[in-house]
Amino acid sequence: MKILVVEDDKDLMEIITKSLEKERYVVSQAPDYRTALMKAGDYDYDCILLDIMLPDGNGLDLLAELQDMGKKANVIILSAK
């Protein structure tokens, strides 16, 4: 299973990534909106862990853009709100 972690908090992203890799998932990281959009456009992910508050955009806007692109990944929203 291939997972994209979209999280701007480096420490949290590393914890999530290490935990998932320990369970033998293939994990990619995106620290911001632009990187997430690029990676999700280039690759198909089984799941995207998506932070809502990103430094260069809103995770919900990213989700809408991915849906417009026809991306069918399952999404889990992460938020401190």
C-alpha atoms as a PDB file:
ATOM      1  CA  MET A   1       0.000   0.000   0.000  1.00  0.00           C
ATOM      2  CA  LYS A   2       1.372   3.399  -1.001  1.00  0.00           C
ATOM      3  CA  ILE A   3       0.596   6.357   1.268  1.00  0.00           C
ATOM      4  CA  LEU A   4       1.210  10.087   0.846  1.00  0.00           C
ATOM      5  CA  VAL A   5       1.650  12.022   4.092  1.00  0.00           C
ATOM      6  CA  VAL A   6       0.879  15.731   3.627  1.00  0.00           C
ATOM      7  CA  GLU A   7       1.992  17.486   6.815  1.00  0.00           C
ATOM      8  CA  ASP A   8       3.947  20.697   7.400  1.00  0.00           C
ATOM      9  CA  ASP A   9       5.091  19.805  10.928  1.00  0.00           C
ATOM     10  CA  LYS A  10       8.386  17.994  10.285  1.00  0.00           C
ATOM     11  CA  ASP A  11       8.442  16.130  13.599  1.00  0.00           C
ATOM     12  CA  LEU A  12       4.886  14.852  13.208  1.00  0.00           C
ATOM     13  CA  MET A  13       5.528  13.877   9.590  1.00  0.00           C
ATOM     14  CA  GLU A  14       8.586  11.855  10.629  1.00  0.00           C
ATOM     15  CA  ILE A  15       6.691  10.068  13.418  1.00  0.00           C
ATOM     16  CA  ILE A  16       3.838   9.164  11.065  1.00  0.00           C
ATOM     17  CA  THR A  17       6.222   8.073   8.320  1.00  0.00           C
ATOM     18  CA  LYS A  18       8.351   5.887  10.587  1.00  0.00           C
ATOM     19  CA  SER A  19       5.264   4.269  12.116  1.00  0.00           C
ATOM     20  CA  LEU A  20       3.811   3.438   8.708  1.00  0.00           C
ATOM     21  CA  GLU A  21       7.123   2.181   7.313  1.00  0.00           C
ATOM     22  CA  LYS A  22       7.494  -0.041  10.363  1.00  0.00           C
ATOM     23  CA  GLU A  23       4.239  -1.684   9.251  1.00  0.00           C
ATOM     24  CA  ARG A  24       5.769  -2.097   5.763  1.00  0.00           C
ATOM     25  CA  TYR A  25       3.806   0.621   3.962  1.00  0.00           C
ATOM     26  CA  VAL A  26       5.464   2.588   1.174  1.00  0.00           C
ATOM     27  CA  VAL A  27       5.376   6.222   2.282  1.00  0.00           C
ATOM     28  CA  SER A  28       5.966   9.490   0.422  1.00  0.00           C
ATOM     29  CA  GLN A  29       6.084  12.876   2.115  1.00  0.00           C
ATOM     30  CA  ALA A  30       4.851  16.311   1.108  1.00  0.00           C
ATOM     31  CA  PRO A  31       5.465  19.244   3.459  1.00  0.00           C
ATOM     32  CA  ASP A  32       3.262  21.695   1.550  1.00  0.00           C
ATOM     33  CA  TYR A  33       0.363  22.119  -0.877  1.00  0.00           C
ATOM     34  CA  ARG A  34       2.484  22.486  -3.995  1.00  0.00           C
ATOM     35  CA  THR A  35       4.566  19.360  -3.337  1.00  0.00           C
ATOM     36  CA  ALA A  36       1.459  17.341  -2.460  1.00  0.00           C
ATOM     37  CA  LEU A  37      -0.290  18.397  -5.661  1.00  0.00           C
ATOM     38  CA  MET A  38       2.772  17.504  -7.734  1.00  0.00           C
ATOM     39  CA  LYS A  39       3.244  14.080  -6.114  1.00  0.00           C
ATOM     40  CA  ALA A  40      -0.451  13.199  -6.182  1.00  0.00           C
ATOM     41  CA  GLY A  41      -0.599  14.238  -9.835  1.00  0.00           C
ATOM     42  CA  ASP A  42       2.393  12.097 -10.769  1.00  0.00           C
ATOM     43  CA  TYR A  43       1.625   8.955  -8.733  1.00  0.00           C
ATOM     44  CA  ASP A  44      -1.384   6.965  -7.608  1.00  0.00           C
ATOM     45  CA  TYR A  45      -1.665   6.548  -3.852  1.00  0.00           C
ATOM     46  CA  ASP A  46      -3.897   4.137  -1.977  1.00  0.00           C
ATOM     47  CA  CYS A  47      -4.306   6.631   0.846  1.00  0.00           C
ATOM     48  CA  ILE A  48      -3.470  10.268   1.523  1.00  0.00           C
ATOM     49  CA  LEU A  49      -3.049  11.535   5.095  1.00  0.00           C
ATOM     50  CA  LEU A  50      -3.902  15.184   4.623  1.00  0.00           C
ATOM     51  CA  ASP A  51      -3.299  18.104   6.969  1.00  0.00           C
ATOM     52  CA  ILE A  52      -5.815  20.922   6.519  1.00  0.00           C
ATOM     53  CA  MET A  53      -3.576  23.849   7.445  1.00  0.00           C
ATOM     54  CA  LEU A  54      -0.606  23.971   5.075  1.00  0.00           C
ATOM     55  CA  PRO A  55       1.848  26.861   4.715  1.00  0.00           C
ATOM     56  CA  ASP A  56       0.936  27.554   1.089  1.00  0.00           C
ATOM     57  CA  GLY A  57      -2.699  26.483   0.903  1.00  0.00           C
ATOM     58  CA  ASN A  58      -5.647  24.697   2.424  1.00  0.00           C
ATOM     59  CA  GLY A  59      -5.813  20.908   2.516  1.00  0.00           C
ATOM     60  CA  LEU A  60      -9.520  20.957   1.673  1.00  0.00           C
ATOM     61  CA  ASP A  61      -8.751  22.944  -1.482  1.00  0.00           C
ATOM     62  CA  LEU A  62      -6.113  20.351  -2.329  1.00  0.00           C
ATOM     63  CA  LEU A  63      -8.666  17.588  -1.831  1.00  0.00           C
ATOM     64  CA  ALA A  64     -11.084  19.325  -4.233  1.00  0.00           C
ATOM     65  CA  GLU A  65      -8.314  19.755  -6.797  1.00  0.00           C
ATOM     66  CA  LEU A  66      -7.383  16.066  -6.562  1.00  0.00           C
ATOM     67  CA  GLN A  67     -11.024  15.097  -7.079  1.00  0.00           C
ATOM     68  CA  ASP A  68     -11.167  17.360 -10.149  1.00  0.00           C
ATOM     69  CA  MET A  69      -8.093  15.515 -11.471  1.00  0.00           C
ATOM     70  CA  GLY A  70      -9.942  12.209 -11.071  1.00  0.00           C
ATOM     71  CA  LYS A  71      -7.701  10.942  -8.292  1.00  0.00           C
ATOM     72  CA  LYS A  72      -9.441   8.198  -6.326  1.00  0.00           C
ATOM     73  CA  ALA A  73      -7.180   7.833  -3.270  1.00  0.00           C
ATOM     74  CA  ASN A  74      -8.786   7.371   0.106  1.00  0.00           C
ATOM     75  CA  VAL A  75      -8.163  10.454   2.265  1.00  0.00           C
ATOM     76  CA  ILE A  76      -7.758  10.771   6.021  1.00  0.00           C
ATOM     77  CA  ILE A  77      -7.846  14.373   7.241  1.00  0.00           C
ATOM     78  CA  LEU A  78      -5.429  15.423   9.975  1.00  0.00           C
ATOM     79  CA  SER A  79      -6.096  18.657  11.802  1.00  0.00           C
ATOM     80  CA  ALA A  80      -5.188  20.460  14.994  1.00  0.00           C
ATOM     81  CA  LYS A  81      -8.466  22.386  14.731  1.00  0.00           C
END
